[in-house]
Amino acid sequence: MRAPQSRTKGGSDPMSSSEELRKRRGSAVARGVGSVVDAYVDRASGGTLTDVDGREWIDFAAGIAVTNVGNSAPKVVEAVRAQVERFTHTCFMVAPYESYVAVCEQLNVLTPGGFEKRSALFNSGAEAVENAIKIARHATGRPAVVVFDHAYHGRTNLTMALTAKNMPYKHRFGPFAGEVYRVPMSYPLRDGGLDGATAAARSIEMIEKQVGAENVAALLIEPIQGEGGFVVPAEGFLPALREWATAAGAVFVADEIQTGFCRTGDWFACQHEGVEPDLVTLAKGMAGGLPLAAVTGRAELMDAVHVGGLGGTYGGNPVACAAALAAMATMHELDLPAAARRIGAVMGERLRAIAARDPRIAEVRGRGAMLAVEIVRPGGIVPDPVATAALSAACHAAGLLTLTCGTYGNVLRFLPPLVISDGELGRGLDILDAAFG
């Protein structure tokens, strides 16, 4: 259900048009805030967005893997409306409420690992990552954090240090937080096809020689990299790192902010190889579009921090918590892990067919409804960001919302809402197919 659209200018003339909003934005919004398309959304549902000019877009972005349950999902809308009528904020650290506890209970059950867990709620993925590092350092008494090539973990000072790519995330924003060390990622297309165990051994040797195992508080990794290019590590890479972290007494932190909540065909991407992280960072798809994040992990780690050491004014806002409980109920009810696998099968087949005729596609990769193609100059693996941008622009011109990513800016990534209809998915893939020519 949606409120009627009643925005007008000068009586009955439509107020909202992309051109008018473009002008207003230029005089009101900081230039450093960018947008993928020069269109302004008026409403959205399922797998489509409609802009203020009435143009419909097939959505292969889902707000960067946020609207997994679709925009304005019925259960989420109902839960938010009911909560807003009751109260909108007290601050859990001042006057707590049941929904915060209920979200933590759900996360403790859903995340990988049969051990006893605790959770804490925050506002954004970057906040979750920062707090995971705080927890790991506090619990271990160690300073060093190990991250990986091509990683993305956020835009705050610490998370920029953890993030690999300079432009646009880090350029001229330093100096950054210290005691952060970067090691190679398993990137099969670009590391000669190293198997997972060999790639892990390479990274572990670097950690031990350049950092020292006894200094490592946390090893932080995305099970499938997001902004770095949807890089799927070779089988065995994650389990080997998990085993090393246990032996070294380091906290293994899985950043499931983009991969979590059914996106990859499991509730969490770590489950594909049976990896049980000590801590997991969560956000994006958890609350049906409302801002909410979490750190969930081993009780002894989470409870190591002194009372008052974790929190934030808006962390676990009651409206966002209500939305999260409704979104997770929707994921169960609609079996969205299965939906993601089904989307992945359909998209994967079409993408591989395009790749078979277009030598610019070096690789089709991903898992579930988190898929990508890496674009290169034909005949090798030299990245081609210009062609990638042109392909994405062609999709946009035809009404398909796509995103690019990757250290080299040469990856087209696809993140449709997990409730997208077969017809919407098919139309989007037809547009994508035509863009490749």
Protein backbone atom coordinates (compact mmCIF):
# COMPACT_ATOMS: atom_id res chain seq x y z
CA MET A 1 0.00 0.00 0.00
CA ARG A 2 1.27 3.47 -0.88
CA ALA A 3 0.17 6.99 -0.11
CA PRO A 4 -1.29 8.83 -3.14
CA GLN A 5 1.21 10.91 -5.07
CA SER A 6 0.08 14.52 -4.62
CA ARG A 7 3.15 16.68 -5.26
CA THR A 8 2.23 19.57 -7.51
CA LYS A 9 3.62 22.87 -8.70
CA GLY A 10 1.53 25.87 -9.61
CA GLY A 11 -1.77 24.14 -8.89
CA SER A 12 -2.28 21.15 -11.15
CA ASP A 13 1.03 21.07 -13.02
CA PRO A 14 3.39 18.29 -11.94
CA MET A 15 6.06 19.60 -9.63
CA SER A 16 8.47 16.72 -9.90
CA SER A 17 10.44 16.13 -13.07
CA SER A 18 14.00 14.92 -13.46
CA GLU A 19 15.05 18.25 -14.96
CA GLU A 20 13.63 20.34 -12.14
CA LEU A 21 15.03 18.04 -9.48
CA ARG A 22 18.41 18.12 -11.20
CA LYS A 23 18.47 21.90 -10.86
CA ARG A 24 17.33 21.81 -7.23
CA ARG A 25 19.94 19.20 -6.41
CA GLY A 26 22.72 21.30 -7.93
CA SER A 27 22.03 24.14 -5.50
CA ALA A 28 21.25 22.00 -2.44
CA VAL A 29 23.24 18.73 -2.41
CA ALA A 30 26.99 18.48 -1.94
CA ARG A 31 28.78 17.66 -5.21
CA GLY A 32 30.64 14.79 -3.57
CA VAL A 33 27.42 12.78 -3.31
CA GLY A 34 27.09 10.94 -6.62
CA SER A 35 24.30 8.93 -8.23
CA VAL A 36 24.37 6.11 -10.76
CA VAL A 37 21.51 7.45 -12.91
CA ASP A 38 20.21 10.96 -13.48
CA ALA A 39 16.62 10.05 -12.65
CA TYR A 40 14.57 10.50 -9.49
CA VAL A 41 12.48 7.68 -8.07
CA ASP A 42 8.82 8.24 -7.25
CA ARG A 43 7.78 4.72 -6.27
CA ALA A 44 9.03 1.14 -6.37
CA SER A 45 7.81 -2.40 -5.88
CA GLY A 46 8.91 -5.92 -6.73
CA GLY A 47 11.65 -5.69 -9.31
CA THR A 48 10.85 -2.24 -10.71
CA LEU A 49 11.33 1.45 -9.95
CA THR A 50 9.25 4.27 -11.44
CA ASP A 51 10.77 7.72 -11.74
CA VAL A 52 9.10 11.11 -11.43
CA ASP A 53 8.60 11.27 -15.18
CA GLY A 54 6.65 7.98 -15.10
CA ARG A 55 9.43 5.91 -16.64
CA GLU A 56 9.75 2.35 -15.36
CA TRP A 57 13.13 0.83 -14.63
CA ILE A 58 13.91 -2.87 -14.17
CA ASP A 59 15.92 -2.99 -10.95
CA PHE A 60 19.12 -5.04 -11.04
CA ALA A 61 20.60 -3.08 -8.10
CA ALA A 62 18.19 -3.48 -5.16
CA GLY A 63 19.68 -0.37 -3.55
CA ILE A 64 23.05 -2.20 -3.50
CA ALA A 65 21.64 -5.48 -2.11
CA VAL A 66 19.35 -3.78 0.41
CA THR A 67 15.81 -4.45 -0.83
CA ASN A 68 16.17 -8.22 -0.96
CA VAL A 69 12.51 -8.57 0.05
CA GLY A 70 11.49 -5.93 -2.49
CA ASN A 71 10.56 -2.31 -2.00
CA SER A 72 7.68 -1.61 0.39
CA ALA A 73 7.26 -5.31 1.16
CA PRO A 74 3.78 -5.74 2.72
CA LYS A 75 4.93 -7.16 6.05
CA VAL A 76 7.59 -4.47 6.38
CA VAL A 77 5.13 -1.66 5.61
CA GLU A 78 2.64 -3.02 8.14
CA ALA A 79 5.26 -3.45 10.85
CA VAL A 80 6.75 0.01 10.32
CA ARG A 81 3.35 1.69 10.38
CA ALA A 82 2.39 -0.06 13.61
CA GLN A 83 5.70 0.81 15.29
CA VAL A 84 5.60 4.46 14.24
CA GLU A 85 2.18 4.76 15.86
CA ARG A 86 3.54 3.31 19.13
CA PHE A 87 6.87 5.18 19.42
CA THR A 88 9.74 6.13 17.13
CA HIS A 89 12.73 6.39 19.47
CA THR A 90 13.83 6.10 23.05
CA CYS A 91 17.47 5.02 22.55
CA PHE A 92 17.98 1.42 23.63
CA MET A 93 20.78 2.55 25.95
CA VAL A 94 18.31 4.78 27.80
CA ALA A 95 14.98 2.96 27.79
CA PRO A 96 15.17 -0.46 26.08
CA TYR A 97 12.42 -2.24 24.16
CA GLU A 98 11.52 -5.76 23.10
CA SER A 99 12.10 -5.50 19.33
CA TYR A 100 15.85 -4.89 19.77
CA VAL A 101 16.08 -8.06 21.83
CA ALA A 102 13.99 -9.97 19.28
CA VAL A 103 16.23 -8.95 16.38
CA CYS A 104 19.30 -10.09 18.33
CA GLU A 105 17.61 -13.40 19.11
CA GLN A 106 16.88 -13.93 15.41
CA LEU A 107 20.44 -13.10 14.36
CA ASN A 108 21.92 -15.41 16.99
CA VAL A 109 19.93 -18.29 15.51
CA LEU A 110 20.31 -17.47 11.80
CA THR A 111 24.04 -16.76 11.55
CA PRO A 112 26.50 -19.64 11.03
CA GLY A 113 27.82 -21.47 14.07
CA GLY A 114 26.27 -23.72 16.68
CA PHE A 115 27.97 -21.94 19.59
CA GLU A 116 26.36 -19.48 22.00
CA LYS A 117 26.13 -15.99 20.48
CA ARG A 118 25.36 -12.40 21.30
CA SER A 119 24.49 -9.46 19.01
CA ALA A 120 24.67 -5.68 19.09
CA LEU A 121 22.82 -3.37 16.72
CA PHE A 122 24.09 -0.31 14.86
CA ASN A 123 23.10 1.93 11.94
CA SER A 124 25.30 1.05 8.98
CA GLY A 125 27.69 -1.53 7.64
CA ALA A 126 30.69 0.67 8.35
CA GLU A 127 29.59 1.01 11.97
CA ALA A 128 29.24 -2.75 12.23
CA VAL A 129 32.76 -3.29 10.88
CA GLU A 130 34.24 -0.66 13.22
CA ASN A 131 32.58 -2.29 16.20
CA ALA A 132 33.69 -5.77 15.17
CA ILE A 133 37.28 -4.50 15.16
CA LYS A 134 36.75 -2.86 18.56
CA ILE A 135 35.42 -6.13 19.95
CA ALA A 136 38.26 -8.20 18.48
CA ARG A 137 40.94 -5.85 19.79
CA HIS A 138 39.36 -5.64 23.22
CA ALA A 139 38.92 -9.40 23.53
CA THR A 140 42.39 -10.35 22.29
CA GLY A 141 44.45 -7.41 23.56
CA ARG A 142 46.13 -7.31 20.15
CA PRO A 143 46.36 -4.38 17.69
CA ALA A 144 46.70 -5.71 14.14
CA VAL A 145 43.88 -6.17 11.64
CA VAL A 146 44.45 -8.17 8.45
CA VAL A 147 42.39 -7.37 5.36
CA PHE A 148 42.60 -8.34 1.68
CA ASP A 149 43.35 -6.88 -1.71
CA HIS A 150 40.24 -5.45 -3.44
CA ALA A 151 38.32 -5.32 -0.15
CA TYR A 152 35.62 -2.78 0.65
CA HIS A 153 34.48 -2.25 4.23
CA GLY A 154 33.13 1.31 4.45
CA ARG A 155 33.74 5.06 4.31
CA THR A 156 34.63 6.03 7.90
CA ASN A 157 38.26 6.66 8.79
CA LEU A 158 38.93 3.14 10.06
CA THR A 159 36.91 1.42 7.35
CA MET A 160 38.61 3.49 4.64
CA ALA A 161 41.88 2.12 5.98
CA LEU A 162 40.42 -1.36 5.66
CA THR A 163 39.18 -0.65 2.13
CA ALA A 164 41.60 -1.22 -0.74
CA LYS A 165 40.42 1.09 -3.54
CA ASN A 166 41.59 4.70 -3.59
CA MET A 167 39.07 6.39 -5.94
CA PRO A 168 36.46 7.36 -5.00
CA TYR A 169 36.58 6.04 -1.45
CA LYS A 170 39.93 7.16 0.01
CA HIS A 171 41.40 9.86 -2.22
CA ARG A 172 42.77 12.75 -0.12
CA PHE A 173 40.82 11.71 2.98
CA GLY A 174 43.83 10.46 4.97
CA PRO A 175 45.73 9.92 7.12
CA PHE A 176 43.97 6.71 8.04
CA ALA A 177 43.89 4.50 11.11
CA GLY A 178 46.97 2.39 11.71
CA GLU A 179 47.73 -1.29 12.40
CA VAL A 180 45.91 -2.39 9.23
CA TYR A 181 47.73 -4.88 7.00
CA ARG A 182 46.71 -6.02 3.50
CA VAL A 183 47.43 -9.41 1.98
CA PRO A 184 46.52 -11.04 -1.37
CA MET A 185 42.98 -12.21 -2.06
CA SER A 186 42.13 -15.38 -3.92
CA TYR A 187 41.10 -13.96 -7.32
CA PRO A 188 41.12 -16.95 -9.69
CA LEU A 189 40.90 -14.88 -12.90
CA ARG A 190 43.88 -12.72 -11.91
CA ASP A 191 46.11 -14.94 -9.77
CA GLY A 192 46.78 -17.63 -12.34
CA GLY A 193 43.96 -19.82 -11.11
CA LEU A 194 45.61 -20.67 -7.79
CA ASP A 195 43.60 -23.22 -5.84
CA GLY A 196 42.16 -22.09 -2.53
CA ALA A 197 44.69 -23.83 -0.31
CA THR A 198 47.67 -22.42 -2.22
CA ALA A 199 46.22 -18.90 -2.30
CA ALA A 200 45.55 -19.09 1.44
CA ALA A 201 49.09 -20.32 2.13
CA ARG A 202 50.46 -17.31 0.23
CA SER A 203 48.41 -14.91 2.36
CA ILE A 204 49.19 -16.69 5.62
CA GLU A 205 52.93 -16.62 4.93
CA MET A 206 52.75 -12.86 4.42
CA ILE A 207 50.80 -12.41 7.66
CA GLU A 208 53.26 -14.46 9.66
CA LYS A 209 56.36 -12.81 8.19
CA GLN A 210 55.18 -9.19 7.96
CA VAL A 211 52.70 -8.87 10.82
CA GLY A 212 53.31 -11.75 13.21
CA ALA A 213 50.52 -14.14 14.13
CA GLU A 214 50.76 -13.16 17.78
CA ASN A 215 49.89 -9.54 16.89
CA VAL A 216 46.73 -10.23 14.88
CA ALA A 217 43.49 -9.27 16.59
CA ALA A 218 41.24 -9.90 13.59
CA LEU A 219 41.30 -11.33 10.12
CA LEU A 220 38.49 -9.53 8.24
CA ILE A 221 37.18 -10.83 4.91
CA GLU A 222 34.16 -10.65 2.62
CA PRO A 223 33.20 -14.24 1.70
CA ILE A 224 32.45 -12.84 -1.76
CA GLN A 225 33.88 -9.39 -2.36
CA GLY A 226 31.38 -6.68 -3.20
CA GLU A 227 32.76 -3.34 -4.40
CA GLY A 228 36.04 -5.11 -5.18
CA GLY A 229 34.44 -6.90 -8.12
CA PHE A 230 32.20 -9.72 -6.86
CA VAL A 231 35.35 -11.79 -6.49
CA VAL A 232 34.55 -15.37 -5.46
CA PRO A 233 37.60 -16.95 -3.81
CA ALA A 234 38.66 -20.41 -4.89
CA GLU A 235 37.16 -23.29 -2.94
CA GLY A 236 39.16 -23.94 0.21
CA PHE A 237 40.48 -20.39 0.63
CA LEU A 238 38.04 -19.36 3.36
CA PRO A 239 38.26 -22.64 5.35
CA ALA A 240 42.06 -22.47 5.34
CA LEU A 241 42.01 -18.92 6.67
CA ARG A 242 39.43 -19.88 9.27
CA GLU A 243 41.67 -22.73 10.43
CA TRP A 244 44.71 -20.47 10.62
CA ALA A 245 42.85 -17.82 12.62
CA THR A 246 41.75 -20.39 15.17
CA ALA A 247 45.28 -21.70 15.59
CA ALA A 248 46.70 -18.17 15.83
CA GLY A 249 44.15 -16.97 18.39
CA ALA A 250 42.90 -14.31 15.96
CA VAL A 251 39.24 -13.42 15.53
CA PHE A 252 37.86 -14.47 12.14
CA VAL A 253 35.41 -11.76 11.03
CA ALA A 254 33.15 -12.35 8.04
CA ASP A 255 31.85 -9.17 6.42
CA GLU A 256 28.47 -10.39 5.17
CA ILE A 257 27.06 -6.91 4.70
CA GLN A 258 26.45 -7.34 0.95
CA THR A 259 26.29 -11.15 0.83
CA GLY A 260 23.93 -11.72 3.76
CA PHE A 261 20.22 -12.37 4.09
CA CYS A 262 19.63 -14.89 1.30
CA ARG A 263 21.50 -13.00 -1.43
CA THR A 264 23.86 -15.82 -2.43
CA GLY A 265 21.37 -18.69 -2.18
CA ASP A 266 22.10 -19.35 1.48
CA TRP A 267 21.20 -17.12 4.40
CA PHE A 268 24.90 -16.21 4.52
CA ALA A 269 27.71 -16.75 2.03
CA CYS A 270 29.98 -18.46 4.60
CA GLN A 271 27.58 -21.37 4.67
CA HIS A 272 28.60 -22.44 1.16
CA GLU A 273 31.81 -23.94 2.56
CA GLY A 274 30.63 -24.53 6.11
CA VAL A 275 32.73 -21.70 7.53
CA GLU A 276 31.69 -20.51 11.01
CA PRO A 277 33.07 -17.01 11.68
CA ASP A 278 33.78 -15.81 15.19
CA LEU A 279 32.07 -12.52 14.36
CA VAL A 280 29.88 -11.58 11.42
CA THR A 281 29.01 -8.04 10.33
CA LEU A 282 25.53 -7.48 8.91
CA ALA A 283 23.51 -4.64 7.38
CA LYS A 284 22.02 -3.92 3.91
CA GLY A 285 19.36 -6.62 3.33
CA MET A 286 18.44 -7.07 6.98
CA ALA A 287 15.65 -4.50 7.41
CA GLY A 288 13.84 -4.24 4.10
CA GLY A 289 15.32 -0.83 3.24
CA LEU A 290 15.56 0.79 6.67
CA PRO A 291 18.99 1.53 8.16
CA LEU A 292 20.05 -1.21 10.56
CA ALA A 293 23.30 -3.10 11.11
CA ALA A 294 24.66 -5.65 13.53
CA VAL A 295 27.63 -7.55 14.84
CA THR A 296 26.82 -11.11 15.85
CA GLY A 297 29.29 -13.59 17.23
CA ARG A 298 30.68 -15.81 19.93
CA ALA A 299 29.27 -14.91 23.33
CA GLU A 300 32.67 -14.83 25.01
CA LEU A 301 33.95 -12.30 22.47
CA MET A 302 30.88 -10.10 22.38
CA ASP A 303 30.60 -10.10 26.17
CA ALA A 304 34.28 -9.27 26.66
CA VAL A 305 33.59 -5.57 26.16
CA HIS A 306 32.77 -3.55 29.27
CA VAL A 307 29.25 -2.25 29.81
CA GLY A 308 28.79 0.98 27.87
CA GLY A 309 31.58 0.14 25.43
CA LEU A 310 29.16 -0.64 22.59
CA GLY A 311 26.17 1.35 21.40
CA GLY A 312 25.06 4.56 19.74
CA THR A 313 22.10 6.90 19.89
CA TYR A 314 20.21 5.46 16.94
CA GLY A 315 21.62 1.91 16.96
CA GLY A 316 18.75 -0.58 16.87
CA ASN A 317 16.11 2.10 16.30
CA PRO A 318 12.67 0.59 17.08
CA VAL A 319 11.23 1.33 13.62
CA ALA A 320 14.20 -0.32 11.93
CA CYS A 321 13.95 -3.29 14.30
CA ALA A 322 10.27 -3.72 13.45
CA ALA A 323 11.18 -3.64 9.77
CA ALA A 324 13.96 -6.21 10.27
CA LEU A 325 11.68 -8.66 12.06
CA ALA A 326 9.14 -8.33 9.26
CA ALA A 327 11.80 -8.64 6.56
CA MET A 328 13.24 -11.81 8.12
CA ALA A 329 9.74 -13.26 8.42
CA THR A 330 9.24 -12.54 4.72
CA MET A 331 12.53 -14.25 3.88
CA HIS A 332 11.35 -17.38 5.68
CA GLU A 333 7.83 -17.27 4.29
CA LEU A 334 8.92 -16.81 0.65
CA ASP A 335 12.01 -19.04 0.99
CA LEU A 336 14.23 -16.35 -0.45
CA PRO A 337 17.39 -18.48 -0.40
CA ALA A 338 15.67 -20.74 -2.93
CA ALA A 339 14.50 -17.67 -4.86
CA ALA A 340 18.10 -16.44 -5.05
CA ARG A 341 19.26 -19.81 -6.39
CA ARG A 342 16.49 -19.76 -9.01
CA ILE A 343 17.39 -16.22 -10.10
CA GLY A 344 21.05 -17.24 -10.26
CA ALA A 345 20.28 -20.20 -12.49
CA VAL A 346 18.28 -18.07 -14.94
CA MET A 347 20.71 -15.15 -14.96
CA GLY A 348 23.75 -17.38 -15.09
CA GLU A 349 22.53 -19.19 -18.18
CA ARG A 350 21.85 -15.92 -20.02
CA LEU A 351 25.14 -14.36 -18.94
CA ARG A 352 27.12 -17.39 -20.06
CA ALA A 353 25.34 -17.29 -23.43
CA ILE A 354 26.33 -13.62 -23.85
CA ALA A 355 29.91 -14.44 -22.80
CA ALA A 356 30.11 -17.23 -25.36
CA ARG A 357 29.68 -14.70 -28.20
CA ASP A 358 31.36 -11.63 -26.70
CA PRO A 359 35.12 -11.84 -26.10
CA ARG A 360 34.98 -8.77 -23.85
CA ILE A 361 33.59 -10.95 -21.04
CA ALA A 362 36.52 -12.61 -19.33
CA GLU A 363 34.46 -14.28 -16.64
CA VAL A 364 30.91 -14.78 -15.39
CA ARG A 365 31.01 -15.24 -11.64
CA GLY A 366 29.05 -15.03 -8.43
CA ARG A 367 26.63 -17.10 -6.45
CA GLY A 368 22.85 -17.06 -6.21
CA ALA A 369 21.47 -13.63 -7.09
CA MET A 370 24.86 -11.96 -6.69
CA LEU A 371 26.35 -12.24 -10.17
CA ALA A 372 28.79 -10.26 -12.29
CA VAL A 373 30.70 -10.18 -15.54
CA GLU A 374 34.27 -8.89 -15.79
CA ILE A 375 34.91 -6.84 -18.94
CA VAL A 376 38.33 -6.86 -20.59
CA ARG A 377 40.00 -6.04 -23.86
CA PRO A 378 39.49 -9.08 -26.11
CA GLY A 379 42.35 -11.54 -26.16
CA GLY A 380 43.53 -11.20 -22.58
CA ILE A 381 42.56 -9.97 -19.13
CA VAL A 382 43.48 -6.28 -19.45
CA PRO A 383 40.60 -4.44 -17.72
CA ASP A 384 38.35 -2.27 -19.90
CA PRO A 385 36.55 0.22 -17.66
CA VAL A 386 35.54 2.37 -20.64
CA ALA A 387 33.62 -0.47 -22.27
CA THR A 388 32.12 -1.37 -18.89
CA ALA A 389 30.81 2.16 -18.36
CA ALA A 390 29.42 2.24 -21.89
CA LEU A 391 27.61 -1.08 -21.41
CA SER A 392 26.11 0.09 -18.13
CA ALA A 393 25.04 3.39 -19.73
CA ALA A 394 23.36 1.49 -22.56
CA CYS A 395 21.40 -0.50 -19.99
CA HIS A 396 20.35 2.69 -18.22
CA ALA A 397 19.21 4.28 -21.48
CA ALA A 398 17.00 1.26 -22.12
CA GLY A 399 15.48 1.24 -18.62
CA LEU A 400 17.63 -1.29 -16.76
CA LEU A 401 19.34 -0.16 -13.55
CA THR A 402 22.78 -1.79 -13.31
CA LEU A 403 25.88 -1.12 -11.23
CA THR A 404 29.59 -1.29 -11.93
CA CYS A 405 32.31 -2.22 -9.45
CA GLY A 406 35.79 -3.66 -9.19
CA THR A 407 39.24 -2.31 -8.39
CA TYR A 408 39.68 -1.60 -12.11
CA GLY A 409 36.11 -0.36 -12.66
CA ASN A 410 35.53 -3.14 -15.18
CA VAL A 411 32.86 -5.31 -13.57
CA LEU A 412 29.12 -5.19 -14.23
CA ARG A 413 27.30 -6.52 -11.17
CA PHE A 414 23.73 -7.67 -10.81
CA LEU A 415 21.72 -7.64 -7.59
CA PRO A 416 18.01 -7.94 -8.40
CA PRO A 417 15.49 -7.99 -5.56
CA LEU A 418 14.88 -11.61 -4.60
CA VAL A 419 11.14 -11.12 -5.20
CA ILE A 420 11.58 -10.02 -8.82
CA SER A 421 9.04 -11.68 -11.10
CA ASP A 422 10.05 -14.00 -13.93
CA GLY A 423 8.72 -11.45 -16.40
CA GLU A 424 10.70 -8.57 -14.89
CA LEU A 425 13.84 -10.68 -14.73
CA GLY A 426 13.41 -11.73 -18.35
CA ARG A 427 12.87 -8.16 -19.56
CA GLY A 428 15.94 -7.01 -17.71
CA LEU A 429 18.06 -9.76 -19.22
CA ASP A 430 16.75 -8.91 -22.68
CA ILE A 431 17.91 -5.30 -22.21
CA LEU A 432 21.29 -6.50 -20.98
CA ASP A 433 21.61 -8.89 -23.93
CA ALA A 434 20.84 -6.07 -26.37
CA ALA A 435 23.40 -3.78 -24.72
CA PHE A 436 26.13 -6.28 -25.59
CA GLY A 437 24.87 -6.31 -29.18
